[in-house]
PDB file of all heavy atoms in Angstrom:
ATOM      1  N   TYR A   1       0.831  -1.205   0.000  1.00  0.00           N
ATOM      2  CA  TYR A   1       0.000   0.000   0.000  1.00  0.00           C
ATOM      3  C   TYR A   1       0.868   1.259   0.000  1.00  0.00           C
ATOM      4  O   TYR A   1       0.686   2.150  -0.836  1.00  0.00           O
ATOM      5  CB  TYR A   1      -0.896  -0.018   1.236  1.00  0.00           C
ATOM      6  CG  TYR A   1      -1.872   1.140   1.317  1.00  0.00           C
ATOM      7  CD1 TYR A   1      -3.122   1.047   0.735  1.00  0.00           C
ATOM      8  CD2 TYR A   1      -1.533   2.320   1.977  1.00  0.00           C
ATOM      9  CE1 TYR A   1      -4.019   2.098   0.799  1.00  0.00           C
ATOM     10  CE2 TYR A   1      -2.423   3.383   2.051  1.00  0.00           C
ATOM     11  CZ  TYR A   1      -3.664   3.257   1.462  1.00  0.00           C
ATOM     12  OH  TYR A   1      -4.551   4.297   1.519  1.00  0.00           O
ATOM     13  N   MET A   2       1.808   1.312   0.927  1.00  0.00           N
ATOM     14  CA  MET A   2       2.656   2.495   1.035  1.00  0.00           C
ATOM     15  C   MET A   2       3.569   2.639  -0.180  1.00  0.00           C
ATOM     16  O   MET A   2       3.816   3.756  -0.644  1.00  0.00           O
ATOM     17  CB  MET A   2       3.476   2.439   2.320  1.00  0.00           C
ATOM     18  CG  MET A   2       2.646   2.412   3.606  1.00  0.00           C
ATOM     19  SD  MET A   2       1.456   3.778   3.782  1.00  0.00           S
ATOM     20  CE  MET A   2       2.576   5.173   4.006  1.00  0.00           C
ATOM     21  N   ASP A   3       4.054   1.528  -0.700  1.00  0.00           N
ATOM     22  CA  ASP A   3       4.903   1.588  -1.899  1.00  0.00           C
ATOM     23  C   ASP A   3       4.150   2.198  -3.070  1.00  0.00           C
ATOM     24  O   ASP A   3       4.728   2.959  -3.865  1.00  0.00           O
ATOM     25  CB  ASP A   3       5.413   0.196  -2.271  1.00  0.00           C
ATOM     26  CG  ASP A   3       6.533  -0.284  -1.358  1.00  0.00           C
ATOM     27  OD1 ASP A   3       7.067   0.539  -0.585  1.00  0.00           O
ATOM     28  OD2 ASP A   3       6.877  -1.486  -1.427  1.00  0.00           O
ATOM     29  N   LEU A   4       2.856   1.856  -3.191  1.00  0.00           N
ATOM     30  CA  LEU A   4       2.052   2.426  -4.265  1.00  0.00           C
ATOM     31  C   LEU A   4       1.927   3.940  -4.076  1.00  0.00           C
ATOM     32  O   LEU A   4       2.076   4.707  -5.029  1.00  0.00           O
ATOM     33  CB  LEU A   4       0.662   1.781  -4.305  1.00  0.00           C
ATOM     34  CG  LEU A   4      -0.302   2.328  -5.372  1.00  0.00           C
ATOM     35  CD1 LEU A   4       0.279   2.158  -6.773  1.00  0.00           C
ATOM     36  CD2 LEU A   4      -1.667   1.645  -5.264  1.00  0.00           C
ATOM     37  N   LYS A   5       1.695   4.375  -2.857  1.00  0.00           N
ATOM     38  CA  LYS A   5       1.623   5.815  -2.587  1.00  0.00           C
ATOM     39  C   LYS A   5       2.926   6.518  -2.974  1.00  0.00           C
ATOM     40  O   LYS A   5       2.925   7.535  -3.658  1.00  0.00           O
ATOM     41  CB  LYS A   5       1.317   6.055  -1.101  1.00  0.00           C
ATOM     42  CG  LYS A   5      -0.157   6.106  -0.752  1.00  0.00           C
ATOM     43  CD  LYS A   5      -0.353   6.584   0.658  1.00  0.00           C
ATOM     44  CE  LYS A   5      -1.822   6.865   0.960  1.00  0.00           C
ATOM     45  NZ  LYS A   5      -2.378   8.020   0.233  1.00  0.00           N
ATOM     46  N   PHE A   6       4.027   5.956  -2.511  1.00  0.00           N
ATOM     47  CA  PHE A   6       5.318   6.596  -2.758  1.00  0.00           C
ATOM     48  C   PHE A   6       5.678   6.584  -4.246  1.00  0.00           C
ATOM     49  O   PHE A   6       6.294   7.523  -4.748  1.00  0.00           O
ATOM     50  CB  PHE A   6       6.412   5.905  -1.951  1.00  0.00           C
ATOM     51  CG  PHE A   6       6.184   5.960  -0.458  1.00  0.00           C
ATOM     52  CD1 PHE A   6       6.544   4.896   0.349  1.00  0.00           C
ATOM     53  CD2 PHE A   6       5.605   7.069   0.142  1.00  0.00           C
ATOM     54  CE1 PHE A   6       6.341   4.936   1.723  1.00  0.00           C
ATOM     55  CE2 PHE A   6       5.391   7.129   1.514  1.00  0.00           C
ATOM     56  CZ  PHE A   6       5.765   6.057   2.301  1.00  0.00           C
ATOM     57  N   SER A   7       5.271   5.539  -4.962  1.00  0.00           N
ATOM     58  CA  SER A   7       5.579   5.453  -6.389  1.00  0.00           C
ATOM     59  C   SER A   7       4.876   6.533  -7.195  1.00  0.00           C
ATOM     60  O   SER A   7       5.314   6.887  -8.298  1.00  0.00           O
ATOM     61  CB  SER A   7       5.185   4.076  -6.939  1.00  0.00           C
ATOM     62  OG  SER A   7       3.770   3.936  -7.018  1.00  0.00           O
ATOM     63  N   LEU A   8       3.780   7.061  -6.626  1.00  0.00           N
ATOM     64  CA  LEU A   8       3.021   8.101  -7.310  1.00  0.00           C
ATOM     65  C   LEU A   8       3.482   9.499  -6.927  1.00  0.00           C
ATOM     66  O   LEU A   8       2.899  10.493  -7.354  1.00  0.00           O
ATOM     67  CB  LEU A   8       1.526   7.945  -6.991  1.00  0.00           C
ATOM     68  CG  LEU A   8       0.905   6.597  -7.390  1.00  0.00           C
ATOM     69  CD1 LEU A   8      -0.529   6.528  -6.933  1.00  0.00           C
ATOM     70  CD2 LEU A   8       1.008   6.388  -8.892  1.00  0.00           C
ATOM     71  N   GLY A   9       4.525   9.555  -6.079  1.00  0.00           N
ATOM     72  CA  GLY A   9       5.065  10.850  -5.676  1.00  0.00           C
ATOM     73  C   GLY A   9       4.180  11.604  -4.725  1.00  0.00           C
ATOM     74  O   GLY A   9       4.278  12.834  -4.602  1.00  0.00           O
ATOM     75  N   ILE A  10       3.294  10.886  -4.011  1.00  0.00           N
ATOM     76  CA  ILE A  10       2.384  11.556  -3.085  1.00  0.00           C
ATOM     77  C   ILE A  10       3.149  12.184  -1.933  1.00  0.00           C
ATOM     78  O   ILE A  10       2.861  13.279  -1.491  1.00  0.00           O
ATOM     79  CB  ILE A  10       1.319  10.561  -2.575  1.00  0.00           C
ATOM     80  CG1 ILE A  10       0.386  10.191  -3.733  1.00  0.00           C
ATOM     81  CG2 ILE A  10       0.520  11.126  -1.407  1.00  0.00           C
ATOM     82  CD1 ILE A  10      -0.616   9.133  -3.407  1.00  0.00           C
ATOM     83  N   ASP A  11       4.143  11.499  -1.425  1.00  0.00           N
ATOM     84  CA  ASP A  11       4.964  12.038  -0.354  1.00  0.00           C
ATOM     85  C   ASP A  11       6.157  11.124  -0.161  1.00  0.00           C
ATOM     86  O   ASP A  11       6.207  10.018  -0.699  1.00  0.00           O
ATOM     87  CB  ASP A  11       4.173  12.137   0.952  1.00  0.00           C
ATOM     88  CG  ASP A  11       4.589  13.347   1.782  1.00  0.00           C
ATOM     89  OD1 ASP A  11       5.760  13.746   1.663  1.00  0.00           O
ATOM     90  OD2 ASP A  11       3.765  13.878   2.521  1.00  0.00           O
ATOM     91  N   LYS A  12       7.117  11.594   0.608  1.00  0.00           N
ATOM     92  CA  LYS A  12       8.292  10.794   0.898  1.00  0.00           C
ATOM     93  C   LYS A  12       8.041   9.942   2.143  1.00  0.00           C
ATOM     94  O   LYS A  12       7.357  10.379   3.066  1.00  0.00           O
ATOM     95  CB  LYS A  12       9.499  11.702   1.124  1.00  0.00           C
ATOM     96  CG  LYS A  12       9.907  12.503  -0.103  1.00  0.00           C
ATOM     97  CD  LYS A  12      11.103  13.394   0.203  1.00  0.00           C
ATOM     98  CE  LYS A  12      11.499  14.203  -1.033  1.00  0.00           C
ATOM     99  NZ  LYS A  12      12.646  15.109  -0.744  1.00  0.00           N
ATOM    100  N   PRO A  13       8.617   8.732   2.185  1.00  0.00           N
ATOM    101  CA  PRO A  13       8.415   7.866   3.353  1.00  0.00           C
ATOM    102  C   PRO A  13       8.852   8.503   4.663  1.00  0.00           C
ATOM    103  O   PRO A  13       8.336   8.162   5.719  1.00  0.00           O
ATOM    104  CB  PRO A  13       9.276   6.641   3.024  1.00  0.00           C
ATOM    105  CG  PRO A  13       9.435   6.664   1.541  1.00  0.00           C
ATOM    106  CD  PRO A  13       9.426   8.112   1.146  1.00  0.00           C
ATOM    107  N   SER A  14       9.793   9.442   4.581  1.00  0.00           N
ATOM    108  CA  SER A  14      10.318  10.050   5.805  1.00  0.00           C
ATOM    109  C   SER A  14       9.432  11.153   6.356  1.00  0.00           C
ATOM    110  O   SER A  14       9.642  11.622   7.471  1.00  0.00           O
ATOM    111  CB  SER A  14      11.724  10.618   5.540  1.00  0.00           C
ATOM    112  OG  SER A  14      11.669  11.611   4.532  1.00  0.00           O
ATOM    113  N   GLN A  15       8.443  11.592   5.599  1.00  0.00           N
ATOM    114  CA  GLN A  15       7.587  12.673   6.052  1.00  0.00           C
ATOM    115  C   GLN A  15       6.733  12.231   7.235  1.00  0.00           C
ATOM    116  O   GLN A  15       6.183  11.129   7.228  1.00  0.00           O
ATOM    117  CB  GLN A  15       6.690  13.162   4.918  1.00  0.00           C
ATOM    118  CG  GLN A  15       7.430  13.843   3.778  1.00  0.00           C
ATOM    119  CD  GLN A  15       8.071  15.151   4.215  1.00  0.00           C
ATOM    120  OE1 GLN A  15       7.555  15.845   5.074  1.00  0.00           O
ATOM    121  NE2 GLN A  15       9.206  15.474   3.636  1.00  0.00           N
ATOM    122  N   PRO A  16       6.582  13.083   8.260  1.00  0.00           N
ATOM    123  CA  PRO A  16       5.812  12.705   9.451  1.00  0.00           C
ATOM    124  C   PRO A  16       4.385  12.241   9.144  1.00  0.00           C
ATOM    125  O   PRO A  16       3.885  11.312   9.785  1.00  0.00           O
ATOM    126  CB  PRO A  16       5.815  13.988  10.290  1.00  0.00           C
ATOM    127  CG  PRO A  16       7.054  14.713   9.868  1.00  0.00           C
ATOM    128  CD  PRO A  16       7.212  14.404   8.412  1.00  0.00           C
ATOM    129  N   VAL A  17       3.737  12.878   8.173  1.00  0.00           N
ATOM    130  CA  VAL A  17       2.359  12.502   7.846  1.00  0.00           C
ATOM    131  C   VAL A  17       2.304  11.052   7.365  1.00  0.00           C
ATOM    132  O   VAL A  17       1.452  10.271   7.789  1.00  0.00           O
ATOM    133  CB  VAL A  17       1.774  13.450   6.780  1.00  0.00           C
ATOM    134  CG1 VAL A  17       0.458  12.911   6.243  1.00  0.00           C
ATOM    135  CG2 VAL A  17       1.580  14.842   7.357  1.00  0.00           C
ATOM    136  N   MET A  18       3.214  10.678   6.478  1.00  0.00           N
ATOM    137  CA  MET A  18       3.229   9.321   5.964  1.00  0.00           C
ATOM    138  C   MET A  18       3.661   8.323   7.029  1.00  0.00           C
ATOM    139  O   MET A  18       3.197   7.183   7.052  1.00  0.00           O
ATOM    140  CB  MET A  18       4.152   9.234   4.746  1.00  0.00           C
ATOM    141  CG  MET A  18       3.611   9.898   3.501  1.00  0.00           C
ATOM    142  SD  MET A  18       2.066   9.138   2.871  1.00  0.00           S
ATOM    143  CE  MET A  18       0.830  10.292   3.492  1.00  0.00           C
ATOM    144  N   GLN A  19       4.533   8.747   7.920  1.00  0.00           N
ATOM    145  CA  GLN A  19       4.927   7.875   9.016  1.00  0.00           C
ATOM    146  C   GLN A  19       3.739   7.580   9.921  1.00  0.00           C
ATOM    147  O   GLN A  19       3.532   6.441  10.358  1.00  0.00           O
ATOM    148  CB  GLN A  19       6.065   8.518   9.817  1.00  0.00           C
ATOM    149  CG  GLN A  19       7.396   8.557   9.070  1.00  0.00           C
ATOM    150  CD  GLN A  19       8.493   9.241   9.876  1.00  0.00           C
ATOM    151  OE1 GLN A  19       8.226   9.933  10.857  1.00  0.00           O
ATOM    152  NE2 GLN A  19       9.727   9.052   9.453  1.00  0.00           N
ATOM    153  N   THR A  20       2.941   8.614  10.186  1.00  0.00           N
ATOM    154  CA  THR A  20       1.751   8.425  11.015  1.00  0.00           C
ATOM    155  C   THR A  20       0.760   7.492  10.341  1.00  0.00           C
ATOM    156  O   THR A  20       0.209   6.585  10.975  1.00  0.00           O
ATOM    157  CB  THR A  20       1.077   9.774  11.312  1.00  0.00           C
ATOM    158  OG1 THR A  20       1.990  10.608  12.032  1.00  0.00           O
ATOM    159  CG2 THR A  20      -0.189   9.592  12.129  1.00  0.00           C
ATOM    160  N   LEU A  21       0.515   7.710   9.047  1.00  0.00           N
ATOM    161  CA  LEU A  21      -0.397   6.842   8.316  1.00  0.00           C
ATOM    162  C   LEU A  21       0.087   5.395   8.354  1.00  0.00           C
ATOM    163  O   LEU A  21      -0.701   4.466   8.592  1.00  0.00           O
ATOM    164  CB  LEU A  21      -0.535   7.307   6.867  1.00  0.00           C
ATOM    165  CG  LEU A  21      -1.396   6.419   5.962  1.00  0.00           C
ATOM    166  CD1 LEU A  21      -2.818   6.323   6.486  1.00  0.00           C
ATOM    167  CD2 LEU A  21      -1.381   6.947   4.532  1.00  0.00           C
ATOM    168  N   ASN A  22       1.371   5.187   8.136  1.00  0.00           N
ATOM    169  CA  ASN A  22       1.913   3.835   8.149  1.00  0.00           C
ATOM    170  C   ASN A  22       1.744   3.188   9.524  1.00  0.00           C
ATOM    171  O   ASN A  22       1.415   1.996   9.627  1.00  0.00           O
ATOM    172  CB  ASN A  22       3.390   3.856   7.760  1.00  0.00           C
ATOM    173  CG  ASN A  22       3.946   2.471   7.537  1.00  0.00           C
ATOM    174  OD1 ASN A  22       3.388   1.679   6.774  1.00  0.00           O
ATOM    175  ND2 ASN A  22       5.040   2.147   8.207  1.00  0.00           N
ATOM    176  N   GLN A  23       1.926   3.957  10.583  1.00  0.00           N
ATOM    177  CA  GLN A  23       1.750   3.433  11.931  1.00  0.00           C
ATOM    178  C   GLN A  23       0.294   3.030  12.181  1.00  0.00           C
ATOM    179  O   GLN A  23       0.017   1.986  12.790  1.00  0.00           O
ATOM    180  CB  GLN A  23       2.183   4.478  12.962  1.00  0.00           C
ATOM    181  CG  GLN A  23       3.687   4.688  13.025  1.00  0.00           C
ATOM    182  CD  GLN A  23       4.068   5.817  13.974  1.00  0.00           C
ATOM    183  OE1 GLN A  23       3.296   6.750  14.186  1.00  0.00           O
ATOM    184  NE2 GLN A  23       5.250   5.736  14.544  1.00  0.00           N
ATOM    185  N   ILE A  24      -0.636   3.857  11.706  1.00  0.00           N
ATOM    186  CA  ILE A  24      -2.059   3.528  11.857  1.00  0.00           C
ATOM    187  C   ILE A  24      -2.389   2.229  11.128  1.00  0.00           C
ATOM    188  O   ILE A  24      -3.083   1.355  11.661  1.00  0.00           O
ATOM    189  CB  ILE A  24      -2.938   4.680  11.326  1.00  0.00           C
ATOM    190  CG1 ILE A  24      -2.775   5.925  12.189  1.00  0.00           C
ATOM    191  CG2 ILE A  24      -4.401   4.263  11.268  1.00  0.00           C
ATOM    192  CD1 ILE A  24      -3.406   7.169  11.601  1.00  0.00           C
ATOM    193  N   ILE A  25      -1.882   2.106   9.912  1.00  0.00           N
ATOM    194  CA  ILE A  25      -2.152   0.901   9.124  1.00  0.00           C
ATOM    195  C   ILE A  25      -1.522  -0.325   9.774  1.00  0.00           C
ATOM    196  O   ILE A  25      -2.170  -1.378   9.918  1.00  0.00           O
ATOM    197  CB  ILE A  25      -1.645   1.084   7.679  1.00  0.00           C
ATOM    198  CG1 ILE A  25      -2.468   2.149   6.963  1.00  0.00           C
ATOM    199  CG2 ILE A  25      -1.711  -0.237   6.912  1.00  0.00           C
ATOM    200  CD1 ILE A  25      -1.964   2.510   5.584  1.00  0.00           C
ATOM    201  N   GLU A  26      -0.275  -0.195  10.197  1.00  0.00           N
ATOM    202  CA  GLU A  26       0.416  -1.321  10.815  1.00  0.00           C
ATOM    203  C   GLU A  26      -0.285  -1.769  12.097  1.00  0.00           C
ATOM    204  O   GLU A  26      -0.496  -2.966  12.328  1.00  0.00           O
ATOM    205  CB  GLU A  26       1.868  -0.938  11.130  1.00  0.00           C
ATOM    206  CG  GLU A  26       2.763  -0.781   9.906  1.00  0.00           C
ATOM    207  CD  GLU A  26       3.255  -2.119   9.360  1.00  0.00           C
ATOM    208  OE1 GLU A  26       2.920  -3.161   9.950  1.00  0.00           O
ATOM    209  OE2 GLU A  26       3.963  -2.107   8.338  1.00  0.00           O
ATOM    210  N   TYR A  27      -0.649  -0.813  12.936  1.00  0.00           N
ATOM    211  CA  TYR A  27      -1.292  -1.166  14.202  1.00  0.00           C
ATOM    212  C   TYR A  27      -2.675  -1.762  13.950  1.00  0.00           C
ATOM    213  O   TYR A  27      -3.044  -2.786  14.535  1.00  0.00           O
ATOM    214  CB  TYR A  27      -1.401   0.060  15.105  1.00  0.00           C
ATOM    215  CG  TYR A  27      -1.846  -0.285  16.512  1.00  0.00           C
ATOM    216  CD1 TYR A  27      -0.918  -0.472  17.525  1.00  0.00           C
ATOM    217  CD2 TYR A  27      -3.199  -0.430  16.827  1.00  0.00           C
ATOM    218  CE1 TYR A  27      -1.316  -0.805  18.817  1.00  0.00           C
ATOM    219  CE2 TYR A  27      -3.614  -0.760  18.110  1.00  0.00           C
ATOM    220  CZ  TYR A  27      -2.666  -0.946  19.094  1.00  0.00           C
ATOM    221  OH  TYR A  27      -3.070  -1.278  20.366  1.00  0.00           O
ATOM    222  N   GLY A  28      -3.454  -1.117  13.095  1.00  0.00           N
ATOM    223  CA  GLY A  28      -4.804  -1.596  12.825  1.00  0.00           C
ATOM    224  C   GLY A  28      -4.836  -2.991  12.237  1.00  0.00           C
ATOM    225  O   GLY A  28      -5.611  -3.851  12.673  1.00  0.00           O
ATOM    226  N   THR A  29      -3.983  -3.239  11.247  1.00  0.00           N
ATOM    227  CA  THR A  29      -3.948  -4.570  10.657  1.00  0.00           C
ATOM    228  C   THR A  29      -3.390  -5.579  11.649  1.00  0.00           C
ATOM    229  O   THR A  29      -3.844  -6.736  11.699  1.00  0.00           O
ATOM    230  CB  THR A  29      -3.113  -4.586   9.365  1.00  0.00           C
ATOM    231  OG1 THR A  29      -1.813  -4.039   9.631  1.00  0.00           O
ATOM    232  CG2 THR A  29      -3.780  -3.763   8.275  1.00  0.00           C
ATOM    233  N   GLY A  30      -2.436  -5.152  12.477  1.00  0.00           N
ATOM    234  CA  GLY A  30      -1.837  -6.050  13.455  1.00  0.00           C
ATOM    235  C   GLY A  30      -2.811  -6.535  14.502  1.00  0.00           C
ATOM    236  O   GLY A  30      -2.757  -7.689  14.938  1.00  0.00           O
ATOM    237  N   GLN A  31      -3.740  -5.669  14.911  1.00  0.00           N
ATOM    238  CA  GLN A  31      -4.706  -6.056  15.935  1.00  0.00           C
ATOM    239  C   GLN A  31      -6.021  -6.561  15.332  1.00  0.00           C
ATOM    240  O   GLN A  31      -6.961  -6.882  16.062  1.00  0.00           O
ATOM    241  CB  GLN A  31      -4.974  -4.893  16.886  1.00  0.00           C
ATOM    242  CG  GLN A  31      -5.734  -3.734  16.284  1.00  0.00           C
ATOM    243  CD  GLN A  31      -6.167  -2.728  17.341  1.00  0.00           C
ATOM    244  OE1 GLN A  31      -5.909  -2.907  18.528  1.00  0.00           O
ATOM    245  NE2 GLN A  31      -6.836  -1.667  16.920  1.00  0.00           N
ATOM    246  N   GLY A  32      -6.089  -6.622  14.019  1.00  0.00           N
ATOM    247  CA  GLY A  32      -7.254  -7.203  13.360  1.00  0.00           C
ATOM    248  C   GLY A  32      -8.422  -6.267  13.159  1.00  0.00           C
ATOM    249  O   GLY A  32      -9.512  -6.713  12.758  1.00  0.00           O
ATOM    250  N   SER A  33      -8.231  -4.962  13.385  1.00  0.00           N
ATOM    251  CA  SER A  33      -9.331  -4.023  13.196  1.00  0.00           C
ATOM    252  C   SER A  33      -9.230  -3.272  11.869  1.00  0.00           C
ATOM    253  O   SER A  33     -10.160  -2.548  11.498  1.00  0.00           O
ATOM    254  CB  SER A  33      -9.380  -3.011  14.340  1.00  0.00           C
ATOM    255  OG  SER A  33      -8.168  -2.291  14.425  1.00  0.00           O
ATOM    256  N   GLY A  34      -8.134  -3.431  11.165  1.00  0.00           N
ATOM    257  CA  GLY A  34      -7.958  -2.762   9.885  1.00  0.00           C
ATOM    258  C   GLY A  34      -7.631  -3.756   8.788  1.00  0.00           C
ATOM    259  O   GLY A  34      -7.031  -4.816   9.054  1.00  0.00           O
ATOM    260  N   ILE A  35      -8.044  -3.438   7.569  1.00  0.00           N
ATOM    261  CA  ILE A  35      -7.755  -4.319   6.441  1.00  0.00           C
ATOM    262  C   ILE A  35      -7.576  -3.472   5.174  1.00  0.00           C
ATOM    263  O   ILE A  35      -8.239  -2.440   4.999  1.00  0.00           O
ATOM    264  CB  ILE A  35      -8.876  -5.363   6.239  1.00  0.00           C
ATOM    265  CG1 ILE A  35      -8.455  -6.405   5.218  1.00  0.00           C
ATOM    266  CG2 ILE A  35     -10.196  -4.697   5.856  1.00  0.00           C
ATOM    267  CD1 ILE A  35      -9.316  -7.642   5.221  1.00  0.00           C
ATOM    268  N   ILE A  36      -6.658  -3.913   4.323  1.00  0.00           N
ATOM    269  CA  ILE A  36      -6.400  -3.215   3.063  1.00  0.00           C
ATOM    270  C   ILE A  36      -6.935  -4.053   1.912  1.00  0.00           C
ATOM    271  O   ILE A  36      -6.623  -5.246   1.799  1.00  0.00           O
ATOM    272  CB  ILE A  36      -4.896  -2.979   2.843  1.00  0.00           C
ATOM    273  CG1 ILE A  36      -4.274  -2.266   4.050  1.00  0.00           C
ATOM    274  CG2 ILE A  36      -4.672  -2.151   1.578  1.00  0.00           C
ATOM    275  CD1 ILE A  36      -2.764  -2.192   3.989  1.00  0.00           C
ATOM    276  N   TYR A  37      -7.745  -3.428   1.071  1.00  0.00           N
ATOM    277  CA  TYR A  37      -8.201  -4.049  -0.174  1.00  0.00           C
ATOM    278  C   TYR A  37      -7.325  -3.498  -1.307  1.00  0.00           C
ATOM    279  O   TYR A  37      -7.082  -2.289  -1.369  1.00  0.00           O
ATOM    280  CB  TYR A  37      -9.663  -3.714  -0.461  1.00  0.00           C
ATOM    281  CG  TYR A  37     -10.668  -4.563   0.281  1.00  0.00           C
ATOM    282  CD1 TYR A  37     -10.688  -4.618   1.671  1.00  0.00           C
ATOM    283  CD2 TYR A  37     -11.620  -5.312  -0.407  1.00  0.00           C
ATOM    284  CE1 TYR A  37     -11.620  -5.380   2.351  1.00  0.00           C
ATOM    285  CE2 TYR A  37     -12.570  -6.081   0.265  1.00  0.00           C
ATOM    286  CZ  TYR A  37     -12.561  -6.106   1.650  1.00  0.00           C
ATOM    287  OH  TYR A  37     -13.492  -6.878   2.314  1.00  0.00           O
ATOM    288  N   GLY A  38      -6.903  -4.374  -2.195  1.00  0.00           N
ATOM    289  CA  GLY A  38      -6.111  -3.961  -3.334  1.00  0.00           C
ATOM    290  C   GLY A  38      -6.793  -4.318  -4.640  1.00  0.00           C
ATOM    291  O   GLY A  38      -7.443  -5.364  -4.739  1.00  0.00           O
ATOM    292  N   ALA A  39      -6.649  -3.455  -5.626  1.00  0.00           N
ATOM    293  CA  ALA A  39      -7.190  -3.713  -6.963  1.00  0.00           C
ATOM    294  C   ALA A  39      -6.020  -3.900  -7.924  1.00  0.00           C
ATOM    295  O   ALA A  39      -5.082  -3.097  -7.939  1.00  0.00           O
ATOM    296  CB  ALA A  39      -8.070  -2.554  -7.419  1.00  0.00           C
ATOM    297  N   TYR A  40      -6.093  -4.956  -8.722  1.00  0.00           N
ATOM    298  CA  TYR A  40      -5.018  -5.298  -9.647  1.00  0.00           C
ATOM    299  C   TYR A  40      -5.540  -5.310 -11.082  1.00  0.00           C
ATOM    300  O   TYR A  40      -6.695  -5.665 -11.346  1.00  0.00           O
ATOM    301  CB  TYR A  40      -4.447  -6.684  -9.316  1.00  0.00           C
ATOM    302  CG  TYR A  40      -3.679  -6.734  -8.019  1.00  0.00           C
ATOM    303  CD1 TYR A  40      -4.351  -6.805  -6.800  1.00  0.00           C
ATOM    304  CD2 TYR A  40      -2.289  -6.689  -8.003  1.00  0.00           C
ATOM    305  CE1 TYR A  40      -3.649  -6.843  -5.599  1.00  0.00           C
ATOM    306  CE2 TYR A  40      -1.583  -6.730  -6.809  1.00  0.00           C
ATOM    307  CZ  TYR A  40      -2.263  -6.804  -5.615  1.00  0.00           C
ATOM    308  OH  TYR A  40      -1.566  -6.848  -4.425  1.00  0.00           O
ATOM    309  N   THR A  41      -4.657  -4.918 -11.996  1.00  0.00           N
ATOM    310  CA  THR A  41      -4.997  -4.993 -13.417  1.00  0.00           C
ATOM    311  C   THR A  41      -4.939  -6.443 -13.876  1.00  0.00           C
ATOM    312  O   THR A  41      -4.454  -7.317 -13.159  1.00  0.00           O
ATOM    313  CB  THR A  41      -4.006  -4.165 -14.244  1.00  0.00           C
ATOM    314  OG1 THR A  41      -2.695  -4.765 -14.138  1.00  0.00           O
ATOM    315  CG2 THR A  41      -3.940  -2.726 -13.760  1.00  0.00           C
ATOM    316  N   ARG A  42      -5.401  -6.688 -15.069  1.00  0.00           N
ATOM    317  CA  ARG A  42      -5.349  -8.061 -15.606  1.00  0.00           C
ATOM    318  C   ARG A  42      -3.901  -8.533 -15.751  1.00  0.00           C
ATOM    319  O   ARG A  42      -3.638  -9.731 -15.797  1.00  0.00           O
ATOM    320  CB  ARG A  42      -6.112  -8.156 -16.922  1.00  0.00           C
ATOM    321  CG  ARG A  42      -5.501  -7.394 -18.076  1.00  0.00           C
ATOM    322  CD  ARG A  42      -6.171  -7.771 -19.411  1.00  0.00           C
ATOM    323  NE  ARG A  42      -7.410  -7.028 -19.625  1.00  0.00           N
ATOM    324  CZ  ARG A  42      -8.609  -7.586 -19.685  1.00  0.00           C
ATOM    325  NH1 ARG A  42      -8.739  -8.890 -19.492  1.00  0.00           N
ATOM    326  NH2 ARG A  42      -9.673  -6.848 -19.922  1.00  0.00           N
TER     327      ARG A  42
END
């Protein structure tokens, strides 16, 4: 998920905002309250 964001130039991984988002995702998925859906091309 984060790699896709960074590949689009949305922000740098070192930026505090992206660090916070990554922490939210990591914690949420780790405790089972968060989930990421991905869409793939053919």
